[in-house]
């Protein structure tokens, strides 16, 4: 189901005119706002059906923000049902997958064609909602922001290559200085501290033990 934006203009007291910016020439009118909307639904469906039957392209619906409202007194969204016309197409489907599709459709009281249409429509709706959410969070894509060509991958690759060229290439990675090993120096310093502490007469005794008392011979000496 497609939804087109309609602009309602007041052309006289109580009389309204409805136009569709996405479909030039598709216009309806009524002696009241309600009648104008009812007529617009019928005219829109007939216009789209004519395009389909004539094999002409059907313009995609635009968004409200992209439409010039001019002096419209009302902006309305009018839907067009998908089943205005039907077309026979040939679709190649893997045999085993087709059996699963048929069982799935039968459990839900649907035909094979109805299942395919429903599945694709849901996929489109989910993707549209996801894109709208991403745009709301991160801003429009480059194409919508005035960059029709998108990202130039080759230009980015050339820029990165140029940055790599600024680095010296005349040495191998194994020539780079590695981290210094100070293990032996740390061990030597610890031994020196322990020896100095042991040789000190005021070295503290282990906790809970009293330092040894001096003997008489040590005092006389």
C-alpha atoms as a PDB file:
ATOM      1  CA  UNK A   1       0.000   0.000   0.000  1.00  0.00           C
ATOM      2  CA  UNK A   2       1.363   3.399  -1.031  1.00  0.00           C
ATOM      3  CA  UNK A   3       0.574   6.664   0.722  1.00  0.00           C
ATOM      4  CA  UNK A   4       0.585   9.937  -1.217  1.00  0.00           C
ATOM      5  CA  UNK A   5       0.573  13.431   0.221  1.00  0.00           C
ATOM      6  CA  UNK A   6      -2.422  15.556  -0.783  1.00  0.00           C
ATOM      7  CA  UNK A   7      -2.673  19.340  -0.585  1.00  0.00           C
ATOM      8  CA  UNK A   8      -6.097  20.805   0.101  1.00  0.00           C
ATOM      9  CA  UNK A   9      -6.778  24.342  -1.145  1.00  0.00           C
ATOM     10  CA  UNK A  10      -9.896  26.403  -0.557  1.00  0.00           C
ATOM     11  CA  UNK A  11     -11.114  27.765  -3.896  1.00  0.00           C
ATOM     12  CA  UNK A  12     -14.364  29.329  -2.671  1.00  0.00           C
ATOM     13  CA  UNK A  13     -16.575  29.429   0.357  1.00  0.00           C
ATOM     14  CA  UNK A  14     -16.988  25.800   1.326  1.00  0.00           C
ATOM     15  CA  UNK A  15     -15.389  24.533  -1.895  1.00  0.00           C
ATOM     16  CA  UNK A  16     -12.044  22.724  -1.757  1.00  0.00           C
ATOM     17  CA  UNK A  17      -9.582  21.466  -4.319  1.00  0.00           C
ATOM     18  CA  UNK A  18      -7.190  18.566  -3.696  1.00  0.00           C
ATOM     19  CA  UNK A  19      -3.965  17.984  -5.629  1.00  0.00           C
ATOM     20  CA  UNK A  20      -1.121  15.487  -5.389  1.00  0.00           C
ATOM     21  CA  UNK A  21       2.377  17.008  -5.904  1.00  0.00           C
ATOM     22  CA  UNK A  22       3.839  13.589  -6.759  1.00  0.00           C
ATOM     23  CA  UNK A  23       1.206  12.984  -9.453  1.00  0.00           C
ATOM     24  CA  UNK A  24       0.780  16.013 -11.730  1.00  0.00           C
ATOM     25  CA  UNK A  25      -2.694  16.189 -13.209  1.00  0.00           C
ATOM     26  CA  UNK A  26      -4.289  14.157 -10.432  1.00  0.00           C
ATOM     27  CA  UNK A  27      -6.794  16.653  -9.008  1.00  0.00           C
ATOM     28  CA  UNK A  28     -10.143  16.377  -7.213  1.00  0.00           C
ATOM     29  CA  UNK A  29     -12.665  18.881  -5.903  1.00  0.00           C
ATOM     30  CA  UNK A  30     -15.686  18.977  -3.624  1.00  0.00           C
ATOM     31  CA  UNK A  31     -18.248  21.353  -2.192  1.00  0.00           C
ATOM     32  CA  UNK A  32     -16.942  20.582   1.313  1.00  0.00           C
ATOM     33  CA  UNK A  33     -13.736  19.388   2.867  1.00  0.00           C
ATOM     34  CA  UNK A  34     -15.174  15.939   3.499  1.00  0.00           C
ATOM     35  CA  UNK A  35     -16.458  15.586  -0.049  1.00  0.00           C
ATOM     36  CA  UNK A  36     -13.151  16.784  -1.475  1.00  0.00           C
ATOM     37  CA  UNK A  37     -11.226  14.137   0.482  1.00  0.00           C
ATOM     38  CA  UNK A  38     -13.628  11.381  -0.589  1.00  0.00           C
ATOM     39  CA  UNK A  39     -13.311  12.421  -4.218  1.00  0.00           C
ATOM     40  CA  UNK A  40      -9.511  12.642  -3.873  1.00  0.00           C
ATOM     41  CA  UNK A  41      -9.334   8.989  -2.763  1.00  0.00           C
ATOM     42  CA  UNK A  42     -11.308   7.885  -5.816  1.00  0.00           C
ATOM     43  CA  UNK A  43      -9.359  10.058  -8.238  1.00  0.00           C
ATOM     44  CA  UNK A  44      -6.014   8.920  -6.815  1.00  0.00           C
ATOM     45  CA  UNK A  45      -6.907   5.237  -7.116  1.00  0.00           C
ATOM     46  CA  UNK A  46      -8.138   5.732 -10.683  1.00  0.00           C
ATOM     47  CA  UNK A  47      -5.023   7.681 -11.667  1.00  0.00           C
ATOM     48  CA  UNK A  48      -2.624   5.049 -10.330  1.00  0.00           C
ATOM     49  CA  UNK A  49      -4.643   2.230 -11.874  1.00  0.00           C
ATOM     50  CA  UNK A  50      -4.486   3.959 -15.262  1.00  0.00           C
ATOM     51  CA  UNK A  51      -0.701   4.243 -15.017  1.00  0.00           C
ATOM     52  CA  UNK A  52      -0.390   0.561 -14.112  1.00  0.00           C
ATOM     53  CA  UNK A  53      -2.619  -0.654 -16.919  1.00  0.00           C
ATOM     54  CA  UNK A  54      -0.848   1.579 -19.442  1.00  0.00           C
ATOM     55  CA  UNK A  55       2.524   0.233 -18.364  1.00  0.00           C
ATOM     56  CA  UNK A  56       3.719   3.692 -17.382  1.00  0.00           C
ATOM     57  CA  UNK A  57       5.947   4.331 -14.348  1.00  0.00           C
ATOM     58  CA  UNK A  58       4.197   5.191 -11.113  1.00  0.00           C
ATOM     59  CA  UNK A  59       6.035   7.958  -9.202  1.00  0.00           C
ATOM     60  CA  UNK A  60       7.106   7.008  -5.712  1.00  0.00           C
ATOM     61  CA  UNK A  61       5.396   8.904  -2.882  1.00  0.00           C
ATOM     62  CA  UNK A  62       7.398  11.809  -1.498  1.00  0.00           C
ATOM     63  CA  UNK A  63       7.749  12.862   2.116  1.00  0.00           C
ATOM     64  CA  UNK A  64       5.884  15.713   3.754  1.00  0.00           C
ATOM     65  CA  UNK A  65       9.051  17.712   4.360  1.00  0.00           C
ATOM     66  CA  UNK A  66      10.014  17.565   0.677  1.00  0.00           C
ATOM     67  CA  UNK A  67       6.710  19.006  -0.577  1.00  0.00           C
ATOM     68  CA  UNK A  68       5.996  22.694  -1.077  1.00  0.00           C
ATOM     69  CA  UNK A  69       2.723  23.290   0.735  1.00  0.00           C
ATOM     70  CA  UNK A  70       2.193  26.738  -0.803  1.00  0.00           C
ATOM     71  CA  UNK A  71      -1.090  28.109   0.536  1.00  0.00           C
ATOM     72  CA  UNK A  72      -2.714  24.765   1.357  1.00  0.00           C
ATOM     73  CA  UNK A  73      -5.147  24.841   4.248  1.00  0.00           C
ATOM     74  CA  UNK A  74      -4.596  21.146   4.954  1.00  0.00           C
ATOM     75  CA  UNK A  75      -2.055  18.430   4.201  1.00  0.00           C
ATOM     76  CA  UNK A  76      -3.541  14.927   4.042  1.00  0.00           C
ATOM     77  CA  UNK A  77      -2.101  11.445   3.557  1.00  0.00           C
ATOM     78  CA  UNK A  78      -4.188   9.280   1.242  1.00  0.00           C
ATOM     79  CA  UNK A  79      -3.480   5.597   0.718  1.00  0.00           C
ATOM     80  CA  UNK A  80      -3.729   3.591  -2.480  1.00  0.00           C
ATOM     81  CA  UNK A  81      -4.444  -0.156  -2.110  1.00  0.00           C
ATOM     82  CA  UNK A  82      -2.025  -2.563  -3.748  1.00  0.00           C
ATOM     83  CA  UNK A  83      -4.747  -4.665  -5.380  1.00  0.00           C
ATOM     84  CA  UNK A  84      -5.868  -2.121  -7.969  1.00  0.00           C
ATOM     85  CA  UNK A  85      -4.507  -4.485 -10.600  1.00  0.00           C
ATOM     86  CA  UNK A  86      -2.839  -7.881 -10.586  1.00  0.00           C
ATOM     87  CA  UNK A  87       0.039  -9.112 -12.719  1.00  0.00           C
ATOM     88  CA  UNK A  88       1.222 -12.603 -13.480  1.00  0.00           C
ATOM     89  CA  UNK A  89       4.953 -13.138 -13.000  1.00  0.00           C
ATOM     90  CA  UNK A  90       7.308 -16.102 -13.112  1.00  0.00           C
ATOM     91  CA  UNK A  91       9.484 -16.533 -10.030  1.00  0.00           C
ATOM     92  CA  UNK A  92      12.162 -19.195  -9.709  1.00  0.00           C
ATOM     93  CA  UNK A  93      12.090 -20.614  -6.170  1.00  0.00           C
ATOM     94  CA  UNK A  94      14.118 -23.530  -4.750  1.00  0.00           C
ATOM     95  CA  UNK A  95      11.876 -26.581  -4.511  1.00  0.00           C
ATOM     96  CA  UNK A  96      12.430 -27.339  -0.823  1.00  0.00           C
ATOM     97  CA  UNK A  97      11.976 -23.688   0.135  1.00  0.00           C
ATOM     98  CA  UNK A  98       8.719 -23.592  -1.840  1.00  0.00           C
ATOM     99  CA  UNK A  99       7.376 -26.521   0.171  1.00  0.00           C
ATOM    100  CA  UNK A 100       8.111 -24.659   3.406  1.00  0.00           C
ATOM    101  CA  UNK A 101       6.424 -21.538   2.036  1.00  0.00           C
ATOM    102  CA  UNK A 102       3.306 -23.498   1.132  1.00  0.00           C
ATOM    103  CA  UNK A 103       3.064 -25.125   4.571  1.00  0.00           C
ATOM    104  CA  UNK A 104       3.579 -21.763   6.261  1.00  0.00           C
ATOM    105  CA  UNK A 105       0.905 -20.102   4.096  1.00  0.00           C
ATOM    106  CA  UNK A 106      -1.567 -22.955   4.626  1.00  0.00           C
ATOM    107  CA  UNK A 107      -1.302 -22.698   8.412  1.00  0.00           C
ATOM    108  CA  UNK A 108      -2.318 -19.045   8.127  1.00  0.00           C
ATOM    109  CA  UNK A 109      -5.053 -19.495   5.563  1.00  0.00           C
ATOM    110  CA  UNK A 110      -3.136 -17.605   2.888  1.00  0.00           C
ATOM    111  CA  UNK A 111      -2.385 -18.322  -0.722  1.00  0.00           C
ATOM    112  CA  UNK A 112       1.175 -18.587  -1.958  1.00  0.00           C
ATOM    113  CA  UNK A 113       0.894 -15.235  -3.751  1.00  0.00           C
ATOM    114  CA  UNK A 114      -0.557 -13.527  -0.680  1.00  0.00           C
ATOM    115  CA  UNK A 115       2.298 -14.870   1.435  1.00  0.00           C
ATOM    116  CA  UNK A 116       4.930 -13.494  -0.936  1.00  0.00           C
ATOM    117  CA  UNK A 117       3.269 -10.081  -1.073  1.00  0.00           C
ATOM    118  CA  UNK A 118       2.871  -9.900   2.707  1.00  0.00           C
ATOM    119  CA  UNK A 119       6.481 -10.948   3.316  1.00  0.00           C
ATOM    120  CA  UNK A 120       7.943  -8.375   0.923  1.00  0.00           C
ATOM    121  CA  UNK A 121       5.707  -5.599   2.260  1.00  0.00           C
ATOM    122  CA  UNK A 122       6.824  -6.317   5.829  1.00  0.00           C
ATOM    123  CA  UNK A 123      10.449  -6.314   4.731  1.00  0.00           C
ATOM    124  CA  UNK A 124      10.018  -2.918   3.051  1.00  0.00           C
ATOM    125  CA  UNK A 125       8.275  -1.456   6.112  1.00  0.00           C
ATOM    126  CA  UNK A 126      10.999  -2.710   8.483  1.00  0.00           C
ATOM    127  CA  UNK A 127      13.803  -1.387   6.287  1.00  0.00           C
ATOM    128  CA  UNK A 128      12.101   1.987   5.871  1.00  0.00           C
ATOM    129  CA  UNK A 129      11.628   2.304   9.633  1.00  0.00           C
ATOM    130  CA  UNK A 130      15.258   1.316  10.274  1.00  0.00           C
ATOM    131  CA  UNK A 131      16.542   3.878   7.759  1.00  0.00           C
ATOM    132  CA  UNK A 132      14.374   6.591   9.278  1.00  0.00           C
ATOM    133  CA  UNK A 133      15.680   5.765  12.767  1.00  0.00           C
ATOM    134  CA  UNK A 134      19.292   5.773  11.577  1.00  0.00           C
ATOM    135  CA  UNK A 135      18.810   9.121   9.847  1.00  0.00           C
ATOM    136  CA  UNK A 136      17.263  10.598  12.991  1.00  0.00           C
ATOM    137  CA  UNK A 137      20.237   9.445  15.077  1.00  0.00           C
ATOM    138  CA  UNK A 138      23.125  10.108  12.704  1.00  0.00           C
ATOM    139  CA  UNK A 139      21.784  12.565  10.139  1.00  0.00           C
ATOM    140  CA  UNK A 140      21.100  11.999   6.452  1.00  0.00           C
ATOM    141  CA  UNK A 141      23.251   9.795   4.291  1.00  0.00           C
ATOM    142  CA  UNK A 142      25.901  11.456   2.099  1.00  0.00           C
ATOM    143  CA  UNK A 143      23.634  11.233  -0.948  1.00  0.00           C
ATOM    144  CA  UNK A 144      20.907  13.156   0.857  1.00  0.00           C
ATOM    145  CA  UNK A 145      23.386  15.695   2.197  1.00  0.00           C
ATOM    146  CA  UNK A 146      24.436  16.889  -1.241  1.00  0.00           C
ATOM    147  CA  UNK A 147      27.046  14.226  -2.029  1.00  0.00           C
ATOM    148  CA  UNK A 148      25.504  12.293  -4.931  1.00  0.00           C
ATOM    149  CA  UNK A 149      28.640  10.254  -5.518  1.00  0.00           C
ATOM    150  CA  UNK A 150      28.794   9.017  -1.931  1.00  0.00           C
ATOM    151  CA  UNK A 151      32.123   8.034  -0.441  1.00  0.00           C
ATOM    152  CA  UNK A 152      35.095   7.947  -2.816  1.00  0.00           C
ATOM    153  CA  UNK A 153      36.768   4.773  -1.594  1.00  0.00           C
ATOM    154  CA  UNK A 154      39.676   5.080  -3.987  1.00  0.00           C
ATOM    155  CA  UNK A 155      40.413   8.634  -2.823  1.00  0.00           C
ATOM    156  CA  UNK A 156      40.423   7.489   0.800  1.00  0.00           C
ATOM    157  CA  UNK A 157      42.749   4.601  -0.067  1.00  0.00           C
ATOM    158  CA  UNK A 158      45.153   6.962  -1.869  1.00  0.00           C
ATOM    159  CA  UNK A 159      45.173   9.310   1.105  1.00  0.00           C
ATOM    160  CA  UNK A 160      45.995   6.497   3.516  1.00  0.00           C
ATOM    161  CA  UNK A 161      48.741   5.259   1.216  1.00  0.00           C
ATOM    162  CA  UNK A 162      50.246   8.755   1.086  1.00  0.00           C
ATOM    163  CA  UNK A 163      50.266   8.906   4.886  1.00  0.00           C
ATOM    164  CA  UNK A 164      52.066   5.556   5.060  1.00  0.00           C
ATOM    165  CA  UNK A 165      54.713   6.895   2.673  1.00  0.00           C
ATOM    166  CA  UNK A 166      55.679   9.502   5.254  1.00  0.00           C
ATOM    167  CA  UNK A 167      56.993   6.780   7.566  1.00  0.00           C
ATOM    168  CA  UNK A 168      60.670   5.669   7.200  1.00  0.00           C
ATOM    169  CA  UNK A 169      60.912   2.468   5.225  1.00  0.00           C
ATOM    170  CA  UNK A 170      64.720   1.937   5.335  1.00  0.00           C
ATOM    171  CA  UNK A 171      64.734  -0.289   8.396  1.00  0.00           C
ATOM    172  CA  UNK A 172      63.136  -3.531   9.419  1.00  0.00           C
ATOM    173  CA  UNK A 173      60.945  -3.969  12.450  1.00  0.00           C
ATOM    174  CA  UNK A 174      63.546  -6.196  14.122  1.00  0.00           C
ATOM    175  CA  UNK A 175      65.950  -3.231  14.072  1.00  0.00           C
ATOM    176  CA  UNK A 176      63.680  -1.226  16.336  1.00  0.00           C
ATOM    177  CA  UNK A 177      64.975  -0.931  19.927  1.00  0.00           C
ATOM    178  CA  UNK A 178      63.220  -3.336  22.237  1.00  0.00           C
ATOM    179  CA  UNK A 179      62.313  -2.800  25.886  1.00  0.00           C
ATOM    180  CA  UNK A 180      65.352  -2.728  28.206  1.00  0.00           C
ATOM    181  CA  UNK A 181      65.739  -5.563  30.725  1.00  0.00           C
ATOM    182  CA  UNK A 182      66.637  -4.244  34.206  1.00  0.00           C
ATOM    183  CA  UNK A 183      66.118  -7.531  36.064  1.00  0.00           C
ATOM    184  CA  UNK A 184      69.793  -8.010  37.003  1.00  0.00           C
ATOM    185  CA  UNK A 185      70.124  -4.450  38.246  1.00  0.00           C
ATOM    186  CA  UNK A 186      67.015  -4.811  40.424  1.00  0.00           C
ATOM    187  CA  UNK A 187      68.324  -8.082  41.956  1.00  0.00           C
ATOM    188  CA  UNK A 188      71.724  -6.530  42.699  1.00  0.00           C
ATOM    189  CA  UNK A 189      70.118  -3.533  44.398  1.00  0.00           C
ATOM    190  CA  UNK A 190      67.920  -5.796  46.556  1.00  0.00           C
ATOM    191  CA  UNK A 191      70.954  -7.847  47.677  1.00  0.00           C
ATOM    192  CA  UNK A 192      72.868  -4.688  48.538  1.00  0.00           C
ATOM    193  CA  UNK A 193      69.981  -3.411  50.675  1.00  0.00           C
ATOM    194  CA  UNK A 194      69.623  -6.739  52.494  1.00  0.00           C
ATOM    195  CA  UNK A 195      73.344  -6.925  53.222  1.00  0.00           C
ATOM    196  CA  UNK A 196      73.395  -3.352  54.473  1.00  0.00           C
ATOM    197  CA  UNK A 197      70.418  -4.056  56.730  1.00  0.00           C
ATOM    198  CA  UNK A 198      72.034  -7.189  58.135  1.00  0.00           C
ATOM    199  CA  UNK A 199      75.288  -5.373  58.862  1.00  0.00           C
ATOM    200  CA  UNK A 200      73.522  -2.502  60.647  1.00  0.00           C
ATOM    201  CA  UNK A 201      73.676  -2.781  64.496  1.00  0.00           C
ATOM    202  CA  UNK A 202      70.238  -1.207  64.692  1.00  0.00           C
ATOM    203  CA  UNK A 203      68.620  -3.659  62.345  1.00  0.00           C
ATOM    204  CA  UNK A 204      65.136  -4.321  63.568  1.00  0.00           C
ATOM    205  CA  UNK A 205      64.244  -7.788  64.791  1.00  0.00           C
ATOM    206  CA  UNK A 206      61.370  -9.682  63.320  1.00  0.00           C
ATOM    207  CA  UNK A 207      58.010  -8.727  64.697  1.00  0.00           C
ATOM    208  CA  UNK A 208      57.242 -10.444  68.055  1.00  0.00           C
ATOM    209  CA  UNK A 209      60.903 -11.097  68.899  1.00  0.00           C
ATOM    210  CA  UNK A 210      63.193  -9.033  71.094  1.00  0.00           C
ATOM    211  CA  UNK A 211      66.576  -7.997  69.772  1.00  0.00           C
ATOM    212  CA  UNK A 212      69.464 -10.142  71.200  1.00  0.00           C
ATOM    213  CA  UNK A 213      71.028  -8.802  74.385  1.00  0.00           C
ATOM    214  CA  UNK A 214      74.706  -8.054  74.487  1.00  0.00           C
ATOM    215  CA  UNK A 215      76.856 -10.536  76.431  1.00  0.00           C
ATOM    216  CA  UNK A 216      79.401  -9.579  79.066  1.00  0.00           C
ATOM    217  CA  UNK A 217      82.273 -10.464  76.714  1.00  0.00           C
ATOM    218  CA  UNK A 218      80.822  -8.168  74.060  1.00  0.00           C
ATOM    219  CA  UNK A 219      80.440  -5.369  76.592  1.00  0.00           C
ATOM    220  CA  UNK A 220      84.076  -5.776  77.772  1.00  0.00           C
ATOM    221  CA  UNK A 221      85.297  -5.822  74.245  1.00  0.00           C
END
